[in-house]
Protein backbone atom coordinates (compact mmCIF):
# COMPACT_ATOMS: atom_id res chain seq x y z
CA MET A 1 69.74 -47.05 -24.76
CA ASN A 2 69.42 -47.02 -27.52
CA VAL A 3 71.20 -44.22 -29.43
CA LYS A 4 69.00 -42.01 -30.96
CA MET A 5 71.20 -39.17 -32.17
CA LYS A 6 74.95 -38.42 -32.57
CA TYR A 7 77.21 -35.81 -32.72
CA GLU A 8 80.42 -36.21 -34.21
CA ASN A 9 83.23 -34.41 -34.58
CA VAL A 10 81.23 -30.86 -34.73
CA TYR A 11 82.65 -27.89 -35.41
CA LYS A 12 80.74 -24.57 -36.77
CA TYR A 13 82.71 -21.30 -37.57
CA TYR A 14 81.66 -17.72 -37.89
CA ARG A 15 84.74 -16.30 -39.75
CA SER A 16 87.32 -16.89 -37.44
CA SER A 17 84.91 -17.39 -34.13
CA LYS A 18 84.92 -21.48 -32.98
CA ILE A 19 81.21 -21.39 -31.92
CA LEU A 20 80.52 -25.54 -31.69
CA ASN A 21 84.44 -26.60 -31.28
CA LYS A 22 85.14 -30.77 -31.31
CA LEU A 23 81.31 -31.35 -29.94
CA ASP A 24 80.70 -35.64 -29.08
CA LEU A 25 77.43 -35.97 -27.48
CA GLU A 26 75.10 -38.71 -27.95
CA ILE A 27 71.23 -38.80 -27.10
CA TYR A 28 69.16 -41.54 -25.93
CA ASP A 29 66.09 -42.26 -27.81
CA GLY A 30 62.83 -40.83 -25.37
CA GLU A 31 65.41 -39.16 -22.64
CA PHE A 32 65.27 -35.19 -21.81
CA LEU A 33 68.07 -33.81 -22.26
CA VAL A 34 68.62 -30.88 -21.08
CA VAL A 35 71.98 -28.97 -22.32
CA LEU A 36 73.37 -26.13 -19.92
CA GLY A 37 75.27 -23.43 -19.96
CA PRO A 38 76.03 -19.74 -19.90
CA SER A 39 75.31 -17.44 -22.50
CA GLY A 40 77.40 -17.46 -25.43
CA THR A 41 78.22 -20.87 -25.29
CA GLY A 42 76.92 -22.05 -28.74
CA LYS A 43 73.55 -23.82 -27.47
CA THR A 44 71.11 -22.37 -30.16
CA THR A 45 74.02 -22.76 -32.54
CA LEU A 46 73.91 -26.06 -32.05
CA LEU A 47 70.22 -26.48 -32.37
CA ARG A 48 70.10 -24.74 -35.39
CA VAL A 49 72.88 -27.01 -37.17
CA THR A 50 70.68 -29.80 -35.80
CA VAL A 51 67.60 -29.01 -37.54
CA GLY A 52 69.50 -27.81 -40.55
CA ILE A 53 68.91 -24.22 -40.22
CA GLU A 54 72.59 -23.50 -40.21
CA ASP A 55 75.16 -25.48 -41.88
CA LEU A 56 77.72 -27.61 -40.46
CA THR A 57 82.01 -26.04 -40.68
CA ALA A 58 82.69 -29.84 -40.16
CA GLY A 59 81.55 -33.17 -38.21
CA LYS A 60 78.46 -35.43 -38.56
CA ILE A 61 75.75 -35.53 -37.15
CA ILE A 62 73.92 -39.20 -36.49
CA MET A 63 70.05 -39.85 -36.33
CA ASP A 64 68.39 -43.69 -36.05
CA GLY A 65 72.18 -44.37 -37.35
CA VAL A 66 71.28 -41.98 -40.59
CA ASP A 67 73.91 -39.16 -41.40
CA ILE A 68 71.54 -36.18 -41.66
CA SER A 69 74.29 -33.93 -42.09
CA LYS A 70 73.92 -32.66 -45.63
CA LEU A 71 70.02 -32.85 -45.40
CA PRO A 72 67.95 -30.13 -45.84
CA PRO A 73 65.54 -29.35 -42.97
CA ASN A 74 62.05 -30.60 -44.62
CA LYS A 75 63.93 -33.92 -45.08
CA ARG A 76 65.39 -34.46 -41.74
CA ASN A 77 61.99 -34.23 -39.60
CA ILE A 78 63.38 -33.01 -36.60
CA ALA A 79 60.62 -30.10 -34.67
CA MET A 80 62.20 -27.10 -33.01
CA VAL A 81 59.92 -24.62 -30.73
CA PHE A 82 61.81 -21.17 -30.46
CA GLN A 83 62.47 -19.20 -27.28
CA ASN A 84 59.86 -16.47 -29.02
CA TYR A 85 57.47 -19.45 -30.31
CA ALA A 86 57.56 -17.53 -33.70
CA LEU A 87 53.59 -18.02 -33.87
CA TYR A 88 51.72 -16.45 -36.90
CA PRO A 89 50.22 -13.20 -35.02
CA ASN A 90 47.27 -13.14 -38.25
CA MET A 91 46.06 -16.36 -37.11
CA THR A 92 43.78 -18.54 -34.55
CA ALA A 93 45.80 -21.19 -32.49
CA TYR A 94 44.00 -23.66 -34.28
CA GLN A 95 45.49 -22.64 -37.66
CA ASN A 96 49.19 -22.23 -36.36
CA ILE A 97 48.77 -25.55 -35.12
CA ALA A 98 47.47 -27.14 -38.33
CA PHE A 99 50.03 -24.89 -40.44
CA PRO A 100 52.64 -27.80 -40.76
CA LEU A 101 50.40 -30.22 -42.13
CA LYS A 102 48.62 -27.53 -44.86
CA MET A 103 52.09 -27.66 -46.13
CA ALA A 104 52.35 -30.64 -46.16
CA ARG A 105 49.39 -31.29 -48.05
CA LYS A 106 47.35 -33.57 -45.60
CA PRO A 107 43.79 -34.11 -46.28
CA ARG A 108 41.66 -31.97 -44.02
CA SER A 109 39.99 -34.31 -42.47
CA GLU A 110 43.29 -35.77 -41.11
CA ILE A 111 44.46 -32.22 -40.15
CA ARG A 112 41.35 -31.70 -38.03
CA LYS A 113 41.55 -34.57 -36.20
CA LYS A 114 45.73 -34.63 -35.91
CA VAL A 115 44.77 -30.64 -34.50
CA SER A 116 41.98 -32.00 -32.41
CA GLU A 117 44.18 -34.70 -30.45
CA ILE A 118 47.28 -32.52 -30.00
CA SER A 119 45.25 -29.89 -28.40
CA GLU A 120 43.23 -32.03 -26.21
CA THR A 121 46.56 -33.29 -25.02
CA LEU A 122 47.79 -29.77 -23.98
CA LYS A 123 44.97 -28.44 -22.95
CA ILE A 124 44.21 -26.00 -25.16
CA ALA A 125 40.92 -26.77 -26.74
CA GLU A 126 38.92 -23.89 -25.62
CA VAL A 127 41.86 -21.69 -27.47
CA LEU A 128 41.73 -22.98 -30.63
CA GLU A 129 39.37 -20.51 -32.11
CA LYS A 130 41.13 -17.49 -31.18
CA ASN A 131 43.92 -15.55 -32.01
CA VAL A 132 47.32 -16.16 -30.82
CA THR A 133 47.74 -12.24 -29.98
CA LEU A 134 45.07 -12.61 -27.63
CA LEU A 135 46.49 -15.66 -25.40
CA SER A 136 48.40 -16.00 -23.07
CA GLY A 137 52.15 -16.79 -22.61
CA GLY A 138 51.42 -19.97 -20.89
CA GLN A 139 48.87 -20.50 -24.02
CA LYS A 140 51.39 -20.06 -26.50
CA GLN A 141 53.74 -22.12 -25.55
CA ARG A 142 51.37 -24.82 -26.26
CA VAL A 143 50.52 -23.45 -28.84
CA ALA A 144 53.95 -23.54 -30.34
CA LEU A 145 54.78 -27.30 -28.80
CA ALA A 146 51.25 -28.29 -30.32
CA ARG A 147 52.43 -27.06 -34.22
CA ALA A 148 55.56 -29.23 -33.18
CA LEU A 149 54.10 -32.60 -31.94
CA VAL A 150 51.33 -32.11 -34.48
CA ARG A 151 54.10 -32.95 -37.05
CA ASP A 152 55.09 -36.41 -35.08
CA PRO A 153 58.73 -35.04 -35.43
CA LYS A 154 61.56 -37.71 -34.49
CA ILE A 155 63.08 -35.41 -32.52
CA PHE A 156 61.74 -32.18 -30.56
CA LEU A 157 64.10 -29.32 -30.04
CA LEU A 158 63.29 -26.54 -27.72
CA ASP A 159 65.60 -22.78 -27.38
CA GLU A 160 64.36 -21.76 -24.00
CA PRO A 161 60.59 -21.67 -24.58
CA LEU A 162 59.70 -21.11 -20.67
CA SER A 163 61.81 -18.24 -20.47
CA ASN A 164 59.50 -15.76 -21.36
CA LEU A 165 57.21 -16.38 -18.37
CA ASP A 166 56.63 -15.48 -15.40
CA ALA A 167 57.61 -17.16 -12.56
CA ARG A 168 55.17 -18.67 -11.23
CA VAL A 169 53.61 -19.96 -14.91
CA ARG A 170 57.56 -21.02 -15.60
CA VAL A 171 57.22 -23.50 -12.95
CA VAL A 172 53.67 -24.48 -13.05
CA ALA A 173 54.97 -25.38 -17.57
CA ARG A 174 58.01 -27.11 -16.24
CA THR A 175 55.75 -29.83 -14.89
CA GLU A 176 53.56 -29.49 -18.01
CA LEU A 177 55.64 -30.21 -20.43
CA LYS A 178 57.97 -32.91 -18.64
CA LYS A 179 54.55 -34.72 -17.65
CA ILE A 180 53.69 -34.15 -21.86
CA GLN A 181 57.31 -35.90 -22.99
CA LYS A 182 57.07 -39.05 -20.98
CA GLU A 183 53.63 -39.51 -21.87
CA LEU A 184 54.33 -39.14 -25.42
CA GLY A 185 57.76 -40.72 -24.86
CA HIS A 186 59.88 -38.39 -27.41
CA THR A 187 63.11 -37.33 -27.75
CA PHE A 188 63.65 -34.45 -26.31
CA VAL A 189 66.14 -31.75 -26.21
CA TYR A 190 66.23 -28.58 -24.44
CA VAL A 191 68.66 -26.10 -24.03
CA THR A 192 68.59 -23.55 -21.16
CA HIS A 193 70.81 -21.25 -19.21
CA ASP A 194 68.40 -21.36 -16.06
CA GLN A 195 69.56 -24.00 -13.37
CA SER A 196 66.34 -25.01 -11.59
CA GLU A 197 65.16 -25.96 -15.54
CA ALA A 198 67.92 -28.32 -16.18
CA GLY A 199 67.22 -30.47 -12.52
CA SER A 200 63.15 -30.43 -12.74
CA LEU A 201 63.29 -31.55 -16.30
CA SER A 202 66.00 -33.42 -17.19
CA ASP A 203 66.43 -37.37 -17.54
CA ARG A 204 70.58 -35.89 -18.31
CA VAL A 205 72.50 -32.71 -18.04
CA ALA A 206 74.87 -31.88 -21.16
CA ILE A 207 77.39 -28.39 -19.69
CA LEU A 208 78.52 -26.62 -22.83
CA ARG A 209 81.64 -24.75 -22.07
CA SER A 210 83.49 -23.13 -25.22
CA GLY A 211 81.33 -25.23 -28.00
CA ARG A 212 82.42 -28.31 -26.29
CA ILE A 213 80.70 -30.60 -23.73
CA GLU A 214 82.43 -30.31 -20.46
CA GLN A 215 80.61 -33.13 -18.57
CA ILE A 216 77.09 -34.80 -18.60
CA GLY A 217 75.41 -36.70 -16.37
CA THR A 218 71.80 -36.59 -14.33
CA TYR A 219 72.26 -33.03 -12.65
CA GLU A 220 72.36 -34.77 -8.48
CA GLU A 221 76.07 -36.04 -10.59
CA LEU A 222 76.66 -32.75 -11.81
CA LEU A 223 76.44 -31.59 -8.21
CA ASP A 224 78.22 -34.11 -6.60
CA GLU A 225 81.45 -34.39 -8.08
CA PRO A 226 82.13 -31.90 -11.23
CA SER A 227 84.44 -33.30 -13.13
CA SER A 228 86.27 -29.95 -13.19
CA THR A 229 86.54 -26.87 -11.09
CA TRP A 230 84.57 -24.52 -13.80
CA VAL A 231 81.41 -27.16 -13.23
CA GLY A 232 81.67 -26.92 -9.76
CA ASP A 233 81.41 -23.18 -9.51
CA PHE A 234 78.73 -22.80 -12.66
CA ILE A 235 76.84 -25.68 -11.63
CA GLY A 236 74.37 -24.94 -8.04
CA ASP A 237 72.71 -22.73 -6.49
CA HIS A 238 75.96 -21.45 -5.18
CA PRO A 239 79.07 -22.11 -6.25
CA MET A 240 81.07 -25.10 -5.03
CA ASN A 241 84.18 -23.71 -2.54
CA PHE A 242 87.58 -24.17 -3.62
CA ILE A 243 90.44 -23.91 -1.11
CA ASP A 244 94.39 -24.94 -0.72
CA GLY A 245 94.01 -28.60 1.28
CA GLU A 246 97.10 -28.37 2.78
CA LYS A 247 96.54 -25.07 4.43
CA PHE A 248 94.02 -26.32 6.26
CA GLY A 249 95.31 -29.93 7.09
CA LEU A 250 93.31 -31.33 4.20
CA PRO A 251 95.01 -33.51 1.43
CA LYS A 252 97.50 -31.02 -1.09
CA GLY A 253 95.91 -29.67 -3.74
CA THR A 254 92.26 -27.84 -4.43
CA ILE A 255 89.58 -29.06 -2.17
CA GLY A 256 85.93 -28.76 -3.47
CA PHE A 257 83.20 -28.73 -1.19
CA ARG A 258 79.45 -27.96 -1.44
CA ASP A 259 77.87 -25.70 1.95
CA SER A 260 76.11 -28.59 2.90
CA TRP A 261 79.31 -30.97 2.83
CA ALA A 262 80.65 -28.70 5.88
CA THR A 263 79.21 -30.02 9.54
CA ILE A 264 79.79 -26.39 12.06
CA GLY A 265 81.14 -27.11 15.43
CA ASP A 266 84.60 -28.73 16.13
CA GLY A 267 86.29 -28.60 12.61
CA GLU A 268 89.13 -28.70 10.56
CA ILE A 269 89.02 -25.24 9.50
CA SER A 270 87.42 -21.87 10.90
CA GLY A 271 86.02 -18.89 9.67
CA THR A 272 84.68 -15.36 10.63
CA VAL A 273 80.84 -15.22 9.78
CA GLU A 274 80.47 -12.66 7.18
CA LEU A 275 76.43 -12.64 6.22
CA CYS A 276 73.97 -15.34 7.47
CA GLN A 277 71.56 -15.57 5.26
CA LEU A 278 68.04 -17.79 5.62
CA GLY A 279 66.78 -19.87 2.85
CA GLU A 280 63.68 -21.53 2.53
CA GLU A 281 65.26 -25.04 4.79
CA SER A 282 68.31 -23.92 6.22
CA TYR A 283 70.59 -20.70 6.65
CA HIS A 284 73.85 -19.95 3.88
CA ILE A 285 76.77 -19.04 5.81
CA GLN A 286 79.73 -16.47 3.78
CA CYS A 287 82.43 -16.88 6.05
CA SER A 288 86.18 -16.05 5.07
CA LEU A 289 88.59 -17.83 6.58
CA GLY A 290 90.86 -17.98 9.32
CA SER A 291 94.23 -18.88 9.41
CA SER A 292 95.58 -22.91 9.68
CA GLU A 293 96.58 -22.63 13.80
CA SER A 294 95.79 -25.68 15.77
CA VAL A 295 94.52 -27.65 13.42
CA GLN A 296 93.01 -30.45 14.22
CA GLY A 297 94.25 -33.78 12.45
CA THR A 298 91.86 -34.98 10.53
CA ASP A 299 91.71 -39.30 8.96
CA PHE A 300 89.99 -39.03 5.06
CA VAL A 301 89.41 -42.60 2.56
CA ASP A 302 89.44 -42.49 -0.77
CA GLU A 303 86.04 -43.90 -2.02
CA ASP A 304 87.58 -45.76 -4.31
CA ASN A 305 90.80 -46.80 -2.03
CA SER A 306 93.68 -45.23 -4.03
CA SER A 307 95.98 -43.33 -2.76
CA GLN A 308 95.84 -39.76 -2.54
CA ILE A 309 97.36 -37.89 -5.21
CA SER A 310 98.73 -34.03 -5.31
CA ALA A 311 97.77 -31.16 -7.13
CA SER A 312 98.88 -27.98 -7.43
CA THR A 313 95.99 -24.95 -6.50
CA THR A 314 93.63 -23.02 -9.06
CA ASP A 315 92.29 -19.59 -10.28
CA PHE A 316 89.37 -20.82 -8.35
CA LEU A 317 90.63 -20.36 -4.68
CA ARG A 318 89.20 -18.68 -2.38
CA SER A 319 89.19 -16.68 0.89
CA THR A 320 85.88 -16.29 1.75
CA VAL A 321 83.26 -20.20 1.51
CA GLY A 322 79.64 -20.87 1.69
CA VAL A 323 78.50 -23.01 4.43
CA ARG A 324 74.72 -24.27 5.36
CA SER A 325 73.60 -24.21 9.16
CA SER A 326 70.49 -25.36 10.72
CA LYS A 327 70.93 -22.20 13.11
CA LYS A 328 71.22 -18.50 12.71
CA TYR A 329 75.04 -16.98 13.51
CA ALA A 330 75.70 -13.53 13.84
CA VAL A 331 78.19 -11.17 11.66
CA GLY A 332 81.73 -11.52 13.03
CA GLU A 333 81.36 -15.36 15.69
CA ARG A 334 84.07 -17.04 14.82
CA ILE A 335 83.26 -20.77 13.73
CA ARG A 336 84.84 -24.11 12.87
CA PHE A 337 83.50 -26.77 10.92
CA HIS A 338 84.17 -30.47 9.40
CA LEU A 339 83.99 -31.16 5.76
CA GLU A 340 82.41 -35.08 5.59
CA LYS A 341 83.91 -34.74 2.06
CA PHE A 342 85.28 -32.88 -0.63
CA ASN A 343 86.53 -33.17 -4.32
CA LEU A 344 90.08 -33.31 -4.98
CA TYR A 345 91.69 -31.53 -8.30
CA ASP A 346 95.05 -31.15 -10.51
CA SER A 347 96.46 -27.75 -11.33
CA ASP A 348 94.30 -28.39 -14.69
CA GLY A 349 90.88 -27.97 -12.29
CA LYS A 350 90.38 -31.12 -13.69
CA LEU A 351 88.61 -33.78 -10.80
CA ILE A 352 91.22 -36.67 -9.29
CA GLU A 353 88.93 -38.04 -7.04
CA SER A 354 86.32 -37.49 -4.30
CA VAL A 355 87.26 -37.93 -0.39
CA LYS A 356 84.95 -38.72 1.99
CA SER A 357 86.68 -38.84 5.88
CA LYS A 358 86.52 -41.38 7.98
């Protein structure tokens, strides 16, 4: 795949604080990349240095093979949709969309044609003559997107543009946004802390932690093989479970597993049910782990047939874990479960290998 944009050793300091810290990232042409991370990890700053609103402290941003790090915003041909849309409240939807073309001194006939085309694509033609203060949240979001699209930029940056919408409207808006991006074939970079958005919108997800990329891959890859205990704890509807493997008859080291990887019945781990909550398709059970007496021996094989590697425990070890069940269990009930697969992490919390049971 062709690389559309590349970040090389990017740093951004605010006084003594490192907001972006040796960040390296490649974005492919035509992909929908979601940058996901908790608040304060540098997501919005990444967009601001990309569009040129703020200067880099060090490093390079390369687009289509050209270093744009020193170029002013108006020379980068990058469009950004802000969280609050940044629409002009004294203007109609049409005037907002046409504004960047007007500033570029495009002919009036060309402006009308482009605004008409993009408004039809985004299904907002009927609101063009309305003042933006009279529009719904979803309509405002589409007007802001239309104002970015009408410029035909090389890349689109979106700073949590759906966060101000109601939950139901947000689900519909995600579908529309993904459809628009695929139809147009443009490169979208979308930052959010909402994992449901990351899962539904992205081609790939880049996890941002403390100003650098912790892991990048499809959302499914991040769920299945988080590269660190931190990613495993952060990603997913429920945090990944982490236990001391040796204590429960498993390989020595920190064992990480999802609630869906545990099969309740006979197994090497026992626990007491503390909570049994019904989800959409199954019950999510929180249980406190029992002791390791009468642990049953279990054979495991590495996916790559390599030898098992020892690792010490990490700060993520827990005495309460979550498992999934097709039936309801009572609080206080004892259960045993078997791990169909798990991940093994080293003393620094880094993934060593993925292991499946025979």
